[in-house]
Protein backbone atom coordinates (compact mmCIF):
# COMPACT_ATOMS: atom_id res chain seq x y z
CA UNK A 1 -78.30 55.21 -70.83
CA UNK A 2 -76.63 52.18 -68.83
CA UNK A 3 -73.56 54.36 -68.13
CA UNK A 4 -75.68 56.02 -66.36
CA UNK A 5 -77.25 53.74 -64.57
CA UNK A 6 -74.43 52.46 -63.45
CA UNK A 7 -73.54 55.26 -61.45
CA UNK A 8 -77.37 56.29 -59.98
CA UNK A 9 -77.70 56.71 -56.80
CA UNK A 10 -81.47 55.09 -56.34
CA UNK A 11 -84.52 52.59 -55.45
CA UNK A 12 -85.98 51.66 -58.47
CA UNK A 13 -89.18 49.61 -58.61
CA UNK A 14 -89.73 46.35 -61.43
CA UNK A 15 -93.86 46.85 -61.51
CA UNK A 16 -94.66 44.42 -64.28
CA UNK A 17 -96.96 45.94 -65.13
CA UNK A 18 -94.74 48.89 -66.39
CA UNK A 19 -92.63 46.81 -68.14
CA UNK A 20 -94.11 45.49 -71.66
CA UNK A 21 -91.85 44.72 -74.18
CA UNK A 22 -91.00 40.89 -75.09
CA UNK A 23 -87.87 39.80 -75.34
CA UNK A 24 -88.27 37.93 -79.36
CA UNK A 25 -90.01 40.93 -80.25
CA UNK A 26 -87.08 43.14 -80.37
CA UNK A 27 -85.43 43.99 -83.70
CA UNK A 28 -82.12 42.98 -83.48
CA UNK A 29 -80.59 46.89 -83.36
CA UNK A 30 -82.21 47.44 -80.31
CA UNK A 31 -80.98 43.97 -78.56
CA UNK A 32 -77.36 44.78 -79.85
CA UNK A 33 -77.56 48.48 -78.64
CA UNK A 34 -78.77 46.89 -75.15
CA UNK A 35 -75.97 44.33 -75.19
CA UNK A 36 -73.46 46.90 -75.45
CA UNK A 37 -75.11 49.04 -73.25
CA UNK A 38 -75.17 46.23 -70.66
CA UNK A 39 -71.41 46.08 -71.28
CA UNK A 40 -71.06 47.88 -68.12
CA UNK A 41 -71.31 44.64 -65.93
CA UNK A 42 -68.25 42.78 -66.16
CA UNK A 43 -69.84 40.33 -64.18
CA UNK A 44 -72.59 38.47 -62.10
CA UNK A 45 -72.91 37.46 -58.33
CA UNK A 46 -75.98 35.88 -57.23
CA UNK A 47 -77.44 34.28 -54.03
CA UNK A 48 -80.49 32.60 -53.32
CA UNK A 49 -82.90 29.26 -52.85
CA UNK A 50 -83.48 27.02 -55.51
CA UNK A 51 -85.00 29.01 -57.81
CA UNK A 52 -81.21 30.51 -58.67
CA UNK A 53 -78.97 26.90 -57.79
CA UNK A 54 -77.55 26.41 -61.02
CA UNK A 55 -74.91 23.46 -59.47
CA UNK A 56 -74.39 23.79 -55.57
CA UNK A 57 -76.80 21.33 -53.90
CA UNK A 58 -75.87 18.52 -55.84
CA UNK A 59 -71.79 19.07 -55.71
CA UNK A 60 -72.96 19.46 -52.09
CA UNK A 61 -74.58 16.24 -51.93
CA UNK A 62 -71.92 14.58 -54.25
CA UNK A 63 -74.62 14.60 -56.89
CA UNK A 64 -77.46 12.35 -54.73
CA UNK A 65 -80.41 13.98 -55.21
CA UNK A 66 -83.38 14.37 -57.52
CA UNK A 67 -81.45 17.06 -59.37
CA UNK A 68 -78.97 15.44 -60.81
CA UNK A 69 -81.15 13.28 -62.63
CA UNK A 70 -83.05 13.78 -65.91
CA UNK A 71 -85.02 14.47 -66.65
CA UNK A 72 -84.01 18.00 -65.22
CA UNK A 73 -82.19 19.73 -67.58
CA UNK A 74 -83.43 18.26 -71.08
CA UNK A 75 -84.30 21.13 -72.74
CA UNK A 76 -80.92 22.89 -72.92
CA UNK A 77 -78.57 21.04 -71.43
CA UNK A 78 -79.58 17.55 -72.23
CA UNK A 79 -78.28 16.04 -69.20
CA UNK A 80 -78.52 17.48 -65.49
CA UNK A 81 -77.12 20.20 -64.24
CA UNK A 82 -78.57 20.67 -61.27
CA UNK A 83 -80.85 23.53 -62.12
CA UNK A 84 -84.21 22.91 -60.52
CA UNK A 85 -85.60 23.41 -64.30
CA UNK A 86 -85.63 21.25 -67.61
CA UNK A 87 -83.65 23.85 -68.98
CA UNK A 88 -81.80 27.52 -68.03
CA UNK A 89 -82.80 29.96 -65.00
CA UNK A 90 -82.36 33.36 -64.81
CA UNK A 91 -78.89 34.52 -64.64
CA UNK A 92 -78.07 31.39 -67.10
CA UNK A 93 -80.01 34.08 -70.35
CA UNK A 94 -78.63 37.09 -68.43
CA UNK A 95 -75.27 36.13 -68.42
CA UNK A 96 -75.36 34.93 -72.19
CA UNK A 97 -77.50 38.52 -73.14
CA UNK A 98 -74.64 40.05 -71.18
CA UNK A 99 -71.87 37.91 -72.52
CA UNK A 100 -70.83 36.52 -70.20
CA UNK A 101 -70.20 32.71 -69.57
CA UNK A 102 -72.70 30.82 -67.64
CA UNK A 103 -71.92 31.41 -63.94
CA UNK A 104 -69.70 28.48 -61.98
CA UNK A 105 -70.91 27.21 -58.90
CA UNK A 106 -69.52 27.91 -56.34
CA UNK A 107 -69.48 24.32 -54.88
CA UNK A 108 -68.16 23.14 -58.01
CA UNK A 109 -64.41 23.69 -56.00
CA UNK A 110 -61.83 25.83 -57.56
CA UNK A 111 -62.60 26.48 -60.74
CA UNK A 112 -65.74 27.33 -58.98
CA UNK A 113 -64.01 30.65 -57.43
CA UNK A 114 -62.85 32.46 -60.42
CA UNK A 115 -65.33 35.06 -59.84
CA UNK A 116 -64.14 38.00 -62.67
CA UNK A 117 -66.94 36.63 -64.77
CA UNK A 118 -69.04 35.45 -61.96
CA UNK A 119 -70.01 33.24 -59.19
CA UNK A 120 -73.32 31.32 -57.98
CA UNK A 121 -73.94 31.07 -54.30
CA UNK A 122 -77.51 29.66 -54.52
CA UNK A 123 -78.41 27.00 -52.91
CA UNK A 124 -81.17 24.95 -53.56
CA UNK A 125 -83.30 24.51 -50.34
CA UNK A 126 -82.00 27.83 -48.77
CA UNK A 127 -83.46 29.66 -46.44
CA UNK A 128 -82.87 33.35 -45.21
CA UNK A 129 -82.29 32.86 -41.28
CA UNK A 130 -79.40 30.43 -39.92
CA UNK A 131 -80.30 26.74 -38.18
CA UNK A 132 -80.03 28.25 -34.84
CA UNK A 133 -83.37 31.15 -36.04
CA UNK A 134 -85.30 28.40 -35.88
CA UNK A 135 -84.05 25.85 -32.74
CA UNK A 136 -84.50 28.96 -30.84
CA UNK A 137 -87.86 29.46 -30.92
CA UNK A 138 -88.78 25.66 -31.19
CA UNK A 139 -89.56 25.48 -34.50
CA UNK A 140 -89.35 22.91 -36.83
CA UNK A 141 -85.67 23.08 -39.45
CA UNK A 142 -85.49 22.66 -42.34
CA UNK A 143 -84.28 19.62 -44.49
CA UNK A 144 -81.47 21.38 -45.54
CA UNK A 145 -80.38 24.25 -43.77
CA UNK A 146 -77.63 26.85 -46.36
CA UNK A 147 -78.24 29.89 -45.10
CA UNK A 148 -78.61 33.20 -47.05
CA UNK A 149 -75.71 34.25 -43.91
CA UNK A 150 -73.36 31.27 -44.71
CA UNK A 151 -73.58 32.31 -48.20
CA UNK A 152 -72.45 35.78 -47.79
CA UNK A 153 -69.68 33.85 -45.84
CA UNK A 154 -68.81 32.28 -49.19
CA UNK A 155 -68.68 35.44 -50.59
CA UNK A 156 -66.13 36.78 -48.35
CA UNK A 157 -63.89 33.75 -48.22
CA UNK A 158 -63.86 34.20 -52.14
CA UNK A 159 -63.21 37.68 -51.49
CA UNK A 160 -59.89 36.78 -49.05
CA UNK A 161 -58.72 35.14 -51.58
CA UNK A 162 -58.62 37.20 -54.41
CA UNK A 163 -57.93 40.55 -53.04
CA UNK A 164 -55.30 41.23 -51.53
CA UNK A 165 -56.41 44.68 -50.38
CA UNK A 166 -59.72 46.48 -51.12
CA UNK A 167 -59.10 48.44 -54.02
CA UNK A 168 -57.64 45.03 -55.52
CA UNK A 169 -61.49 43.99 -56.40
CA UNK A 170 -62.94 48.00 -55.62
CA UNK A 171 -63.46 47.99 -59.61
CA UNK A 172 -64.41 44.65 -61.12
CA UNK A 173 -67.48 44.87 -57.51
CA UNK A 174 -67.88 48.53 -59.36
CA UNK A 175 -69.29 46.69 -62.09
CA UNK A 176 -70.82 43.65 -60.96
CA UNK A 177 -74.66 42.92 -61.09
CA UNK A 178 -75.30 41.32 -57.19
CA UNK A 179 -78.64 39.27 -57.46
CA UNK A 180 -79.84 38.85 -53.66
CA UNK A 181 -83.41 35.74 -54.41
CA UNK A 182 -85.78 35.33 -54.53
CA UNK A 183 -85.56 34.03 -50.65
CA UNK A 184 -86.86 33.43 -47.95
CA UNK A 185 -90.35 31.08 -48.62
CA UNK A 186 -88.79 27.93 -47.76
CA UNK A 187 -88.66 29.95 -44.37
CA UNK A 188 -92.31 30.02 -44.51
CA UNK A 189 -93.63 27.32 -45.88
CA UNK A 190 -91.92 24.86 -44.93
CA UNK A 191 -92.51 25.47 -41.12
CA UNK A 192 -95.91 25.96 -42.12
CA UNK A 193 -96.18 22.57 -44.05
CA UNK A 194 -95.14 20.88 -40.48
CA UNK A 195 -98.18 23.12 -38.29
CA UNK A 196 -96.51 25.93 -37.96
CA UNK A 197 -99.29 28.59 -37.39
CA UNK A 198 -99.66 32.55 -40.14
CA UNK A 199 -99.50 34.24 -37.37
CA UNK A 200 -96.03 33.14 -36.27
CA UNK A 201 -94.40 33.45 -39.76
CA UNK A 202 -95.80 37.26 -39.47
CA UNK A 203 -94.76 37.94 -36.33
CA UNK A 204 -92.23 35.90 -35.56
CA UNK A 205 -90.68 34.46 -38.97
CA UNK A 206 -91.12 37.09 -41.39
CA UNK A 207 -89.57 40.15 -39.25
CA UNK A 208 -86.50 37.95 -39.24
CA UNK A 209 -86.24 36.76 -43.11
CA UNK A 210 -86.37 41.13 -43.14
CA UNK A 211 -83.55 41.62 -40.98
CA UNK A 212 -81.23 38.99 -43.15
CA UNK A 213 -82.14 39.61 -46.46
CA UNK A 214 -81.06 43.78 -45.22
CA UNK A 215 -77.96 42.64 -43.86
CA UNK A 216 -76.93 41.06 -46.37
CA UNK A 217 -77.58 43.60 -48.96
CA UNK A 218 -75.88 45.63 -46.63
CA UNK A 219 -72.86 43.35 -46.35
CA UNK A 220 -72.60 43.26 -50.07
CA UNK A 221 -72.86 47.11 -49.92
CA UNK A 222 -70.19 47.41 -46.96
CA UNK A 223 -67.52 45.09 -49.32
CA UNK A 224 -68.00 47.28 -52.83
CA UNK A 225 -71.03 46.29 -54.37
CA UNK A 226 -73.04 49.20 -56.29
CA UNK A 227 -75.83 47.53 -58.27
CA UNK A 228 -77.72 45.21 -56.55
CA UNK A 229 -81.49 43.62 -57.72
CA UNK A 230 -83.68 42.29 -55.14
CA UNK A 231 -86.31 40.21 -56.53
CA UNK A 232 -89.48 39.72 -54.04
CA UNK A 233 -91.53 36.34 -53.42
CA UNK A 234 -93.03 34.22 -55.98
CA UNK A 235 -96.78 33.58 -55.43
CA UNK A 236 -96.89 30.91 -52.79
CA UNK A 237 -100.49 29.77 -53.17
CA UNK A 238 -100.02 28.84 -56.87
CA UNK A 239 -96.98 26.92 -56.89
CA UNK A 240 -97.57 23.24 -57.27
CA UNK A 241 -96.58 21.44 -54.50
CA UNK A 242 -97.98 24.04 -51.71
CA UNK A 243 -101.82 23.92 -53.83
CA UNK A 244 -101.00 20.07 -53.44
CA UNK A 245 -100.59 20.43 -49.91
CA UNK A 246 -103.33 23.03 -48.58
CA UNK A 247 -106.13 21.72 -50.94
CA UNK A 248 -109.83 22.66 -50.09
CA UNK A 249 -113.36 22.01 -51.73
CA UNK A 250 -113.82 25.28 -51.20
CA UNK A 251 -115.07 27.84 -53.53
CA UNK A 252 -114.15 31.25 -51.40
CA UNK A 253 -110.27 29.06 -50.64
CA UNK A 254 -109.25 30.24 -53.74
CA UNK A 255 -109.18 33.08 -56.33
CA UNK A 256 -111.06 32.77 -58.88
CA UNK A 257 -109.10 34.74 -61.53
CA UNK A 258 -106.00 32.38 -60.95
CA UNK A 259 -106.74 29.32 -59.11
CA UNK A 260 -104.43 29.98 -56.08
CA UNK A 261 -104.55 29.60 -52.75
CA UNK A 262 -105.49 33.42 -51.29
CA UNK A 263 -104.27 32.91 -47.57
CA UNK A 264 -100.86 31.92 -48.98
CA UNK A 265 -100.68 34.68 -51.45
CA UNK A 266 -101.53 37.37 -48.94
CA UNK A 267 -99.12 35.97 -46.97
CA UNK A 268 -96.99 36.09 -48.86
CA UNK A 269 -97.70 39.94 -50.07
CA UNK A 270 -97.83 40.41 -46.65
CA UNK A 271 -93.89 39.60 -46.53
CA UNK A 272 -93.09 41.02 -50.30
CA UNK A 273 -94.31 44.92 -49.05
CA UNK A 274 -92.45 44.76 -45.54
CA UNK A 275 -89.33 43.79 -48.11
CA UNK A 276 -90.36 47.02 -50.42
CA UNK A 277 -90.91 49.44 -47.62
CA UNK A 278 -87.49 48.57 -45.66
CA UNK A 279 -85.78 47.73 -48.99
CA UNK A 280 -86.36 52.28 -49.28
CA UNK A 281 -85.28 53.18 -46.12
CA UNK A 282 -81.28 51.16 -46.68
CA UNK A 283 -80.25 53.62 -49.75
CA UNK A 284 -79.90 56.86 -46.95
CA UNK A 285 -76.48 55.65 -45.32
CA UNK A 286 -75.14 55.00 -48.26
CA UNK A 287 -74.02 57.31 -51.82
CA UNK A 288 -73.72 55.93 -55.25
CA UNK A 289 -75.71 53.20 -55.49
CA UNK A 290 -78.82 51.42 -57.41
CA UNK A 291 -81.18 48.91 -55.74
CA UNK A 292 -83.66 47.39 -58.25
CA UNK A 293 -86.93 45.84 -56.26
CA UNK A 294 -88.29 43.00 -58.91
CA UNK A 295 -91.97 42.70 -58.74
CA UNK A 296 -91.11 38.53 -59.41
CA UNK A 297 -94.66 38.54 -57.37
CA UNK A 298 -97.01 40.60 -59.69
CA UNK A 299 -95.29 39.26 -63.09
CA UNK A 300 -96.36 36.00 -61.96
CA UNK A 301 -99.84 36.84 -61.50
CA UNK A 302 -99.76 38.81 -65.31
CA UNK A 303 -98.96 34.65 -66.50
CA UNK A 304 -101.14 32.73 -64.19
CA UNK A 305 -104.16 35.01 -65.15
CA UNK A 306 -103.37 35.36 -69.68
CA UNK A 307 -100.72 32.88 -70.01
CA UNK A 308 -102.18 31.21 -73.44
CA UNK A 309 -100.86 35.11 -73.94
CA UNK A 310 -97.87 34.04 -72.88
CA UNK A 311 -97.32 30.41 -75.11
CA UNK A 312 -98.65 28.73 -72.06
CA UNK A 313 -101.13 25.77 -71.93
CA UNK A 314 -104.74 26.76 -69.44
CA UNK A 315 -103.53 25.01 -66.94
CA UNK A 316 -100.70 27.09 -65.85
CA UNK A 317 -101.13 25.41 -62.18
CA UNK A 318 -99.36 22.13 -63.02
CA UNK A 319 -96.73 20.79 -63.18
CA UNK A 320 -94.40 19.78 -66.01
CA UNK A 321 -92.36 16.40 -64.41
CA UNK A 322 -93.74 15.11 -61.10
CA UNK A 323 -95.84 11.86 -60.59
CA UNK A 324 -99.65 11.02 -60.34
CA UNK A 325 -101.87 12.94 -57.84
CA UNK A 326 -103.43 16.11 -58.18
CA UNK A 327 -101.85 18.75 -59.93
CA UNK A 328 -99.22 16.70 -61.11
CA UNK A 329 -97.59 16.34 -57.66
CA UNK A 330 -97.20 13.16 -56.15
CA UNK A 331 -96.39 12.79 -52.28
CA UNK A 332 -92.76 12.22 -52.14
CA UNK A 333 -92.14 11.53 -55.30
CA UNK A 334 -89.46 14.37 -56.92
CA UNK A 335 -88.79 15.51 -60.65
CA UNK A 336 -85.96 13.04 -61.40
CA UNK A 337 -86.70 10.78 -59.15
CA UNK A 338 -87.44 6.86 -59.68
CA UNK A 339 -91.21 6.74 -60.37
CA UNK A 340 -91.46 10.95 -62.31
CA UNK A 341 -92.45 11.73 -65.38
CA UNK A 342 -93.47 14.81 -67.41
CA UNK A 343 -96.59 15.60 -69.13
CA UNK A 344 -95.80 17.23 -72.50
CA UNK A 345 -93.46 19.91 -73.58
CA UNK A 346 -91.45 22.03 -71.27
CA UNK A 347 -91.93 25.10 -73.05
CA UNK A 348 -95.42 25.39 -73.01
CA UNK A 349 -95.74 24.93 -68.63
CA UNK A 350 -95.11 27.67 -66.34
CA UNK A 351 -94.07 25.16 -63.38
CA UNK A 352 -91.42 22.28 -64.61
CA UNK A 353 -91.64 21.28 -60.71
CA UNK A 354 -94.02 21.56 -57.49
CA UNK A 355 -91.72 24.79 -56.90
CA UNK A 356 -90.28 25.35 -59.49
CA UNK A 357 -89.93 27.25 -63.73
CA UNK A 358 -89.76 25.94 -66.71
CA UNK A 359 -86.72 27.31 -68.81
CA UNK A 360 -89.56 28.83 -71.00
CA UNK A 361 -91.21 30.75 -68.06
CA UNK A 362 -87.46 31.90 -66.75
CA UNK A 363 -86.24 33.34 -70.27
CA UNK A 364 -89.74 35.85 -69.26
CA UNK A 365 -88.29 36.53 -66.05
CA UNK A 366 -85.18 37.39 -67.73
CA UNK A 367 -85.75 39.23 -71.11
CA UNK A 368 -88.14 41.67 -68.04
CA UNK A 369 -85.33 41.84 -66.16
CA UNK A 370 -82.60 41.93 -69.15
CA UNK A 371 -84.73 45.21 -70.41
CA UNK A 372 -84.76 46.97 -67.45
CA UNK A 373 -81.66 46.66 -66.65
CA UNK A 374 -80.54 48.29 -70.41
CA UNK A 375 -83.46 50.78 -69.81
CA UNK A 376 -84.95 49.36 -73.01
CA UNK A 377 -88.23 51.64 -73.52
CA UNK A 378 -91.13 50.26 -75.68
CA UNK A 379 -91.90 51.27 -79.31
CA UNK A 380 -94.61 52.84 -77.32
CA UNK A 381 -93.02 54.28 -74.04
CA UNK A 382 -90.51 56.16 -72.03
CA UNK A 383 -88.00 55.40 -69.98
CA UNK A 384 -89.78 57.26 -67.61
CA UNK A 385 -92.87 55.25 -67.34
CA UNK A 386 -90.60 51.85 -66.82
CA UNK A 387 -89.50 53.01 -63.56
CA UNK A 388 -90.25 55.02 -60.17
CA UNK A 389 -87.63 56.42 -58.86
CA UNK A 390 -87.82 56.27 -54.66
CA UNK A 391 -85.01 58.71 -54.27
């Protein structure tokens, strides 16, 4: 099953409502079979923002960042690692279940460039767009602007150092799982926080983000990538940090099912739908490429609508780590800053801090993605029911 997946030429939509396997309920024989199937991936290479960063921003800032202090990393590692979480992130789980080591952060130095088993290029605060885009359009600049373009540049540099010719690395790249994203959220919500209008986001920023992401994917394909996962954006209107910034006393302002901010989520949906459409067009010039569009937005909504069925508490919009304020968010105080604190067992929280997930939540997303990549059916459904094949 997995061999044919690696060689197929299709775009697969990972819809949350179609993928219902829970990893912890798998029989051990199914798990061992899945891991064997996933051996067609010899490496994982990731790009993205802080949700996927495992240390790059910490190394870049010479450890002068809140993410470099406890309680970050306390659950699994017992110390900060540069992950914006209490423990493991999605790529950690995937690597572990595929029999690979945890990915080294690229900026860790030369030992972070051993890409035969994988490398993480994701960077906390990263945007899909370059600094020049924001300055050219008179838009507020992000605080740290290591863009997706920069990350693709790092990947090219690494290839140049390791591969004397395309054929040197072609076989390995053919068997590498590439993950591009989530990315683009910082491009939208950072300008919004500084006064950019929703209309400006939709008409100026969103088209440019889409172009940047699609360009990055095409570049990776031209360099040898054959299997690429592209997650969409999480619902921005559900993140504790944005909920605390854009509060309102009006009941119509919030989604009655989840308590999330409706207009922020509608903006995210607008982008996600556009991204999905554009990904469908990428296939035509290329052959033997598989692209997975992962519906992280939909899965998060499912969790927030029924948090207790996933093992979380009854108030899933609260941050586990933060300060004294709405949604446990205190303005100007990041998790790891002096004065920040935790509000309970991280495993009962969806959100670790203002924008990022706990290890427990990351594991759910990793489980769904792993199941899909490895072709695991549920006890009641067949392979075809899990995916909508466009080509």
